[in-house]
Amino acid sequence: MKTDQYNALLLVGPTGSGKTPLGRYLEEHGLNNRACVHFDFGENLRNVARNGHPSVSEDDRLFLEDVLHRGALLENETFYLAEAVFGAFVEDRQVGKDDLVVLNGLPRHLDQAKDTDRLVTIQTLVHLVCTPEGVCRRISQNTGRDRTGRVDDTPEQIARKIAIFNSRTLPLIDYYHGKGATVCRVEASVDVTPSDMASRLVAGIR
């Protein structure tokens, strides 16, 4: 399978900022008349950790279960798991070379970015800006309708995820800007809907 043919848009934002609802919206409605396919890495990982997958050993499944429980990130030595999940996704969804892959949750840090660059070309980075207070309110109100059943939304885990985002994920903005990607900043306040975000995204990349 060749994945270097895929172009991508990367959603970057703290937990609860609306990445998944926006990704789903773009998949349903497209972006500037271009078909989008939403790859929610976290959702795919949770499914694999819960149900297993032919390409993932039982030891790796248990490892992913622990990673999710701790709110940790996959590091270099385990990126093969991310690559396997992404490869299964593009094959199962029959992603075409003209489709735009909306990446949500991968990459999450610079080392992952360098590995992800072997799989896709990130043309646009969308930074969903949300304060820690806004994150907590969006999650408690389930603004994006995507938090039901989540077991990793405790106050301690939310705070840990925000700290990891600030230290390890935010540097992706400068990294991809330096590689020529268009960077679009979208405010993700408590009451902002996926439709609102998409409209601001379209306006920001014109």
C-alpha atoms as a PDB file:
ATOM      1  CA  MET A   1       0.000   0.000   0.000  1.00  0.00           C
ATOM      2  CA  LYS A   2       1.299   3.437  -0.909  1.00  0.00           C
ATOM      3  CA  THR A   3       0.212   6.224   1.388  1.00  0.00           C
ATOM      4  CA  ASP A   4       2.439   9.004   0.077  1.00  0.00           C
ATOM      5  CA  GLN A   5      -0.248   9.803  -2.494  1.00  0.00           C
ATOM      6  CA  TYR A   6      -2.571  11.206   0.182  1.00  0.00           C
ATOM      7  CA  ASN A   7      -2.842  14.895   0.954  1.00  0.00           C
ATOM      8  CA  ALA A   8      -4.016  15.856   4.413  1.00  0.00           C
ATOM      9  CA  LEU A   9      -5.406  18.560   6.648  1.00  0.00           C
ATOM     10  CA  LEU A  10      -4.278  18.346  10.279  1.00  0.00           C
ATOM     11  CA  LEU A  11      -6.538  19.370  13.161  1.00  0.00           C
ATOM     12  CA  VAL A  12      -4.561  20.608  16.173  1.00  0.00           C
ATOM     13  CA  GLY A  13      -6.229  21.582  19.426  1.00  0.00           C
ATOM     14  CA  PRO A  14      -6.443  20.573  23.089  1.00  0.00           C
ATOM     15  CA  THR A  15      -8.728  17.791  24.221  1.00  0.00           C
ATOM     16  CA  GLY A  16     -12.378  18.826  23.982  1.00  0.00           C
ATOM     17  CA  SER A  17     -11.746  21.699  21.555  1.00  0.00           C
ATOM     18  CA  GLY A  18     -13.935  20.182  18.842  1.00  0.00           C
ATOM     19  CA  LYS A  19     -11.542  18.306  16.567  1.00  0.00           C
ATOM     20  CA  THR A  20     -13.770  15.246  16.202  1.00  0.00           C
ATOM     21  CA  PRO A  21     -17.015  17.157  15.533  1.00  0.00           C
ATOM     22  CA  LEU A  22     -15.227  19.335  12.958  1.00  0.00           C
ATOM     23  CA  GLY A  23     -13.641  16.286  11.337  1.00  0.00           C
ATOM     24  CA  ARG A  24     -17.028  14.594  11.055  1.00  0.00           C
ATOM     25  CA  TYR A  25     -18.558  17.760   9.631  1.00  0.00           C
ATOM     26  CA  LEU A  26     -15.850  18.053   6.980  1.00  0.00           C
ATOM     27  CA  GLU A  27     -16.316  14.406   6.034  1.00  0.00           C
ATOM     28  CA  GLU A  28     -20.045  14.956   5.617  1.00  0.00           C
ATOM     29  CA  HIS A  29     -19.884  18.293   3.803  1.00  0.00           C
ATOM     30  CA  GLY A  30     -16.415  18.423   2.237  1.00  0.00           C
ATOM     31  CA  LEU A  31     -14.138  21.449   2.089  1.00  0.00           C
ATOM     32  CA  ASN A  32     -14.260  23.851  -0.842  1.00  0.00           C
ATOM     33  CA  ASN A  33     -15.951  21.178  -2.988  1.00  0.00           C
ATOM     34  CA  ARG A  34     -13.297  18.605  -2.115  1.00  0.00           C
ATOM     35  CA  ALA A  35     -14.219  15.248  -0.572  1.00  0.00           C
ATOM     36  CA  CYS A  36     -12.830  14.737   2.927  1.00  0.00           C
ATOM     37  CA  VAL A  37     -12.215  11.546   4.883  1.00  0.00           C
ATOM     38  CA  HIS A  38     -11.950  11.936   8.658  1.00  0.00           C
ATOM     39  CA  PHE A  39      -9.270   9.857  10.382  1.00  0.00           C
ATOM     40  CA  ASP A  40      -9.910  10.056  14.137  1.00  0.00           C
ATOM     41  CA  PHE A  41      -6.782   8.416  15.494  1.00  0.00           C
ATOM     42  CA  GLY A  42      -7.996   8.353  19.097  1.00  0.00           C
ATOM     43  CA  GLU A  43     -11.278   6.709  18.154  1.00  0.00           C
ATOM     44  CA  ASN A  44      -9.455   4.123  16.063  1.00  0.00           C
ATOM     45  CA  LEU A  45      -7.036   3.411  18.910  1.00  0.00           C
ATOM     46  CA  ARG A  46      -9.895   3.027  21.390  1.00  0.00           C
ATOM     47  CA  ASN A  47     -11.612   0.575  19.046  1.00  0.00           C
ATOM     48  CA  VAL A  48      -8.421  -1.467  18.652  1.00  0.00           C
ATOM     49  CA  ALA A  49      -7.727  -1.431  22.401  1.00  0.00           C
ATOM     50  CA  ARG A  50     -11.289  -2.547  23.091  1.00  0.00           C
ATOM     51  CA  ASN A  51     -11.881  -5.034  20.276  1.00  0.00           C
ATOM     52  CA  GLY A  52      -8.448  -5.943  18.928  1.00  0.00           C
ATOM     53  CA  HIS A  53      -7.432  -6.003  15.255  1.00  0.00           C
ATOM     54  CA  PRO A  54      -5.840  -8.656  13.009  1.00  0.00           C
ATOM     55  CA  SER A  55      -2.779  -6.453  12.498  1.00  0.00           C
ATOM     56  CA  VAL A  56      -2.253  -5.855  16.245  1.00  0.00           C
ATOM     57  CA  SER A  57      -0.981  -8.510  18.659  1.00  0.00           C
ATOM     58  CA  GLU A  58      -2.617  -9.073  22.034  1.00  0.00           C
ATOM     59  CA  ASP A  59       0.456  -7.643  23.766  1.00  0.00           C
ATOM     60  CA  ASP A  60       0.184  -4.504  21.639  1.00  0.00           C
ATOM     61  CA  ARG A  61      -3.557  -4.288  22.325  1.00  0.00           C
ATOM     62  CA  LEU A  62      -2.890  -4.360  26.067  1.00  0.00           C
ATOM     63  CA  PHE A  63      -0.151  -1.771  25.595  1.00  0.00           C
ATOM     64  CA  LEU A  64      -2.596   0.549  23.792  1.00  0.00           C
ATOM     65  CA  GLU A  65      -5.131   0.021  26.559  1.00  0.00           C
ATOM     66  CA  ASP A  66      -2.546   1.217  29.073  1.00  0.00           C
ATOM     67  CA  VAL A  67      -1.503   4.174  26.892  1.00  0.00           C
ATOM     68  CA  LEU A  68      -5.114   5.330  26.684  1.00  0.00           C
ATOM     69  CA  HIS A  69      -5.661   4.854  30.410  1.00  0.00           C
ATOM     70  CA  ARG A  70      -2.614   7.015  31.202  1.00  0.00           C
ATOM     71  CA  GLY A  71      -3.405   9.643  28.566  1.00  0.00           C
ATOM     72  CA  ALA A  72       0.084   9.099  27.155  1.00  0.00           C
ATOM     73  CA  LEU A  73       1.361   9.408  23.574  1.00  0.00           C
ATOM     74  CA  LEU A  74       2.850   6.816  21.255  1.00  0.00           C
ATOM     75  CA  GLU A  75       6.585   7.350  20.924  1.00  0.00           C
ATOM     76  CA  ASN A  76       9.014   6.548  18.095  1.00  0.00           C
ATOM     77  CA  GLU A  77       9.489   2.897  18.935  1.00  0.00           C
ATOM     78  CA  THR A  78       5.740   2.201  18.813  1.00  0.00           C
ATOM     79  CA  PHE A  79       4.830   4.331  15.795  1.00  0.00           C
ATOM     80  CA  TYR A  80       4.393   1.102  13.830  1.00  0.00           C
ATOM     81  CA  LEU A  81       1.070   0.740  15.661  1.00  0.00           C
ATOM     82  CA  ALA A  82      -0.090   4.135  14.411  1.00  0.00           C
ATOM     83  CA  GLU A  83       1.045   3.240  10.908  1.00  0.00           C
ATOM     84  CA  ALA A  84      -0.862  -0.061  11.034  1.00  0.00           C
ATOM     85  CA  VAL A  85      -4.048   1.663  12.199  1.00  0.00           C
ATOM     86  CA  PHE A  86      -3.762   4.338   9.497  1.00  0.00           C
ATOM     87  CA  GLY A  87      -3.021   1.771   6.798  1.00  0.00           C
ATOM     88  CA  ALA A  88      -6.072  -0.279   7.751  1.00  0.00           C
ATOM     89  CA  PHE A  89      -8.184   2.889   7.720  1.00  0.00           C
ATOM     90  CA  VAL A  90      -7.262   4.044   4.202  1.00  0.00           C
ATOM     91  CA  GLU A  91      -7.763   0.535   2.852  1.00  0.00           C
ATOM     92  CA  ASP A  92     -11.086  -0.053   4.625  1.00  0.00           C
ATOM     93  CA  ARG A  93     -12.404   3.353   3.563  1.00  0.00           C
ATOM     94  CA  GLN A  94     -10.965   3.054   0.037  1.00  0.00           C
ATOM     95  CA  VAL A  95      -9.505   6.542   0.261  1.00  0.00           C
ATOM     96  CA  GLY A  96      -8.810   7.995  -3.186  1.00  0.00           C
ATOM     97  CA  LYS A  97      -5.788  10.043  -4.170  1.00  0.00           C
ATOM     98  CA  ASP A  98      -8.024  13.086  -4.763  1.00  0.00           C
ATOM     99  CA  ASP A  99      -9.576  12.863  -1.287  1.00  0.00           C
ATOM    100  CA  LEU A 100      -8.381  15.071   1.544  1.00  0.00           C
ATOM    101  CA  VAL A 101      -7.557  13.089   4.676  1.00  0.00           C
ATOM    102  CA  VAL A 102      -8.544  15.024   7.812  1.00  0.00           C
ATOM    103  CA  LEU A 103      -6.034  13.951  10.464  1.00  0.00           C
ATOM    104  CA  ASN A 104      -7.314  14.165  14.025  1.00  0.00           C
ATOM    105  CA  GLY A 105      -4.926  13.036  16.751  1.00  0.00           C
ATOM    106  CA  LEU A 106      -1.971  12.080  14.568  1.00  0.00           C
ATOM    107  CA  PRO A 107       0.695  13.392  14.711  1.00  0.00           C
ATOM    108  CA  ARG A 108       0.717  14.604  18.304  1.00  0.00           C
ATOM    109  CA  HIS A 109       4.394  15.552  18.645  1.00  0.00           C
ATOM    110  CA  LEU A 110       7.423  16.318  16.487  1.00  0.00           C
ATOM    111  CA  ASP A 111       8.822  12.797  16.387  1.00  0.00           C
ATOM    112  CA  GLN A 112       5.440  11.478  15.250  1.00  0.00           C
ATOM    113  CA  ALA A 113       5.314  14.262  12.670  1.00  0.00           C
ATOM    114  CA  LYS A 114       8.523  13.089  11.053  1.00  0.00           C
ATOM    115  CA  ASP A 115       7.133   9.557  10.804  1.00  0.00           C
ATOM    116  CA  THR A 116       3.737  10.790   9.613  1.00  0.00           C
ATOM    117  CA  ASP A 117       5.457  12.749   6.839  1.00  0.00           C
ATOM    118  CA  ARG A 118       6.233   9.383   5.249  1.00  0.00           C
ATOM    119  CA  LEU A 119       2.517   8.642   5.026  1.00  0.00           C
ATOM    120  CA  VAL A 120       0.869  11.907   3.964  1.00  0.00           C
ATOM    121  CA  THR A 121       1.574  15.466   2.852  1.00  0.00           C
ATOM    122  CA  ILE A 122      -0.008  17.917   5.279  1.00  0.00           C
ATOM    123  CA  GLN A 123      -1.165  20.880   3.208  1.00  0.00           C
ATOM    124  CA  THR A 124      -3.198  22.700   5.870  1.00  0.00           C
ATOM    125  CA  LEU A 125      -2.987  22.851   9.659  1.00  0.00           C
ATOM    126  CA  VAL A 126      -6.067  24.029  11.555  1.00  0.00           C
ATOM    127  CA  HIS A 127      -5.347  25.272  15.079  1.00  0.00           C
ATOM    128  CA  LEU A 128      -8.478  25.098  17.247  1.00  0.00           C
ATOM    129  CA  VAL A 129      -7.847  27.653  19.974  1.00  0.00           C
ATOM    130  CA  CYS A 130      -9.554  26.972  23.314  1.00  0.00           C
ATOM    131  CA  THR A 131      -8.621  28.039  26.854  1.00  0.00           C
ATOM    132  CA  PRO A 132      -8.370  25.438  29.650  1.00  0.00           C
ATOM    133  CA  GLU A 133     -11.583  26.855  31.105  1.00  0.00           C
ATOM    134  CA  GLY A 134     -13.243  26.573  27.719  1.00  0.00           C
ATOM    135  CA  VAL A 135     -12.051  22.984  27.377  1.00  0.00           C
ATOM    136  CA  CYS A 136     -13.599  22.031  30.720  1.00  0.00           C
ATOM    137  CA  ARG A 137     -16.892  23.713  29.854  1.00  0.00           C
ATOM    138  CA  ARG A 138     -17.056  22.162  26.379  1.00  0.00           C
ATOM    139  CA  ILE A 139     -16.421  18.718  27.862  1.00  0.00           C
ATOM    140  CA  SER A 140     -18.863  19.093  30.773  1.00  0.00           C
ATOM    141  CA  GLN A 141     -21.582  20.338  28.400  1.00  0.00           C
ATOM    142  CA  ASN A 142     -20.594  17.817  25.702  1.00  0.00           C
ATOM    143  CA  THR A 143     -20.763  20.680  23.227  1.00  0.00           C
ATOM    144  CA  GLY A 144     -19.481  18.560  20.351  1.00  0.00           C
ATOM    145  CA  ARG A 145     -21.674  15.567  21.243  1.00  0.00           C
ATOM    146  CA  ASP A 146     -18.566  13.376  21.153  1.00  0.00           C
ATOM    147  CA  ARG A 147     -17.777  12.739  24.839  1.00  0.00           C
ATOM    148  CA  THR A 148     -20.412  10.111  25.652  1.00  0.00           C
ATOM    149  CA  GLY A 149     -18.843   6.980  27.077  1.00  0.00           C
ATOM    150  CA  ARG A 150     -15.392   8.526  27.437  1.00  0.00           C
ATOM    151  CA  VAL A 151     -13.573   7.274  30.529  1.00  0.00           C
ATOM    152  CA  ASP A 152     -10.621   9.643  30.125  1.00  0.00           C
ATOM    153  CA  ASP A 153     -12.395  12.906  30.930  1.00  0.00           C
ATOM    154  CA  THR A 154     -11.588  13.159  34.629  1.00  0.00           C
ATOM    155  CA  PRO A 155     -10.291  16.564  35.784  1.00  0.00           C
ATOM    156  CA  GLU A 156      -6.840  15.079  36.399  1.00  0.00           C
ATOM    157  CA  GLN A 157      -6.651  13.517  32.948  1.00  0.00           C
ATOM    158  CA  ILE A 158      -7.940  16.665  31.253  1.00  0.00           C
ATOM    159  CA  ALA A 159      -5.257  18.743  32.997  1.00  0.00           C
ATOM    160  CA  ARG A 160      -2.589  16.218  32.018  1.00  0.00           C
ATOM    161  CA  LYS A 161      -3.712  16.223  28.378  1.00  0.00           C
ATOM    162  CA  ILE A 162      -3.676  20.023  28.225  1.00  0.00           C
ATOM    163  CA  ALA A 163      -0.145  20.092  29.667  1.00  0.00           C
ATOM    164  CA  ILE A 164       1.033  17.521  27.105  1.00  0.00           C
ATOM    165  CA  PHE A 165      -0.665  19.461  24.316  1.00  0.00           C
ATOM    166  CA  ASN A 166       1.059  22.702  25.300  1.00  0.00           C
ATOM    167  CA  SER A 167       4.514  21.159  25.600  1.00  0.00           C
ATOM    168  CA  ARG A 168       4.514  18.600  22.797  1.00  0.00           C
ATOM    169  CA  THR A 169       1.737  19.282  20.272  1.00  0.00           C
ATOM    170  CA  LEU A 170       1.804  23.068  19.873  1.00  0.00           C
ATOM    171  CA  PRO A 171       5.305  22.954  18.291  1.00  0.00           C
ATOM    172  CA  LEU A 172       3.703  21.201  15.311  1.00  0.00           C
ATOM    173  CA  ILE A 173       2.327  24.572  14.213  1.00  0.00           C
ATOM    174  CA  ASP A 174       5.761  26.065  13.579  1.00  0.00           C
ATOM    175  CA  TYR A 175       7.025  22.765  12.173  1.00  0.00           C
ATOM    176  CA  TYR A 176       4.384  22.499   9.469  1.00  0.00           C
ATOM    177  CA  HIS A 177       4.375  26.229   8.770  1.00  0.00           C
ATOM    178  CA  GLY A 178       8.077  25.875   8.082  1.00  0.00           C
ATOM    179  CA  LYS A 179       7.326  23.066   5.640  1.00  0.00           C
ATOM    180  CA  GLY A 180       4.950  25.295   3.688  1.00  0.00           C
ATOM    181  CA  ALA A 181       1.586  24.245   5.089  1.00  0.00           C
ATOM    182  CA  THR A 182      -1.186  26.826   5.371  1.00  0.00           C
ATOM    183  CA  VAL A 183      -1.912  27.487   9.059  1.00  0.00           C
ATOM    184  CA  CYS A 184      -5.441  28.571   9.970  1.00  0.00           C
ATOM    185  CA  ARG A 185      -6.392  29.663  13.496  1.00  0.00           C
ATOM    186  CA  VAL A 186     -10.012  28.964  14.487  1.00  0.00           C
ATOM    187  CA  GLU A 187     -11.481  30.057  17.812  1.00  0.00           C
ATOM    188  CA  ALA A 188     -13.249  27.172  19.575  1.00  0.00           C
ATOM    189  CA  SER A 189     -15.233  28.839  22.335  1.00  0.00           C
ATOM    190  CA  VAL A 190     -17.882  26.986  24.319  1.00  0.00           C
ATOM    191  CA  ASP A 191     -20.836  27.565  22.009  1.00  0.00           C
ATOM    192  CA  VAL A 192     -19.060  27.327  18.652  1.00  0.00           C
ATOM    193  CA  THR A 193     -20.555  24.602  16.452  1.00  0.00           C
ATOM    194  CA  PRO A 194     -18.761  22.465  13.851  1.00  0.00           C
ATOM    195  CA  SER A 195     -20.553  24.442  11.151  1.00  0.00           C
ATOM    196  CA  ASP A 196     -19.214  27.690  12.620  1.00  0.00           C
ATOM    197  CA  MET A 197     -15.700  26.251  12.708  1.00  0.00           C
ATOM    198  CA  ALA A 198     -15.936  25.068   9.105  1.00  0.00           C
ATOM    199  CA  SER A 199     -17.100  28.499   7.951  1.00  0.00           C
ATOM    200  CA  ARG A 200     -14.183  30.165   9.744  1.00  0.00           C
ATOM    201  CA  LEU A 201     -11.819  27.606   8.236  1.00  0.00           C
ATOM    202  CA  VAL A 202     -13.045  28.293   4.711  1.00  0.00           C
ATOM    203  CA  ALA A 203     -12.664  32.038   5.280  1.00  0.00           C
ATOM    204  CA  GLY A 204      -9.189  31.551   6.724  1.00  0.00           C
ATOM    205  CA  ILE A 205      -7.749  29.578   3.811  1.00  0.00           C
ATOM    206  CA  ARG A 206      -9.117  31.689   0.957  1.00  0.00           C
END
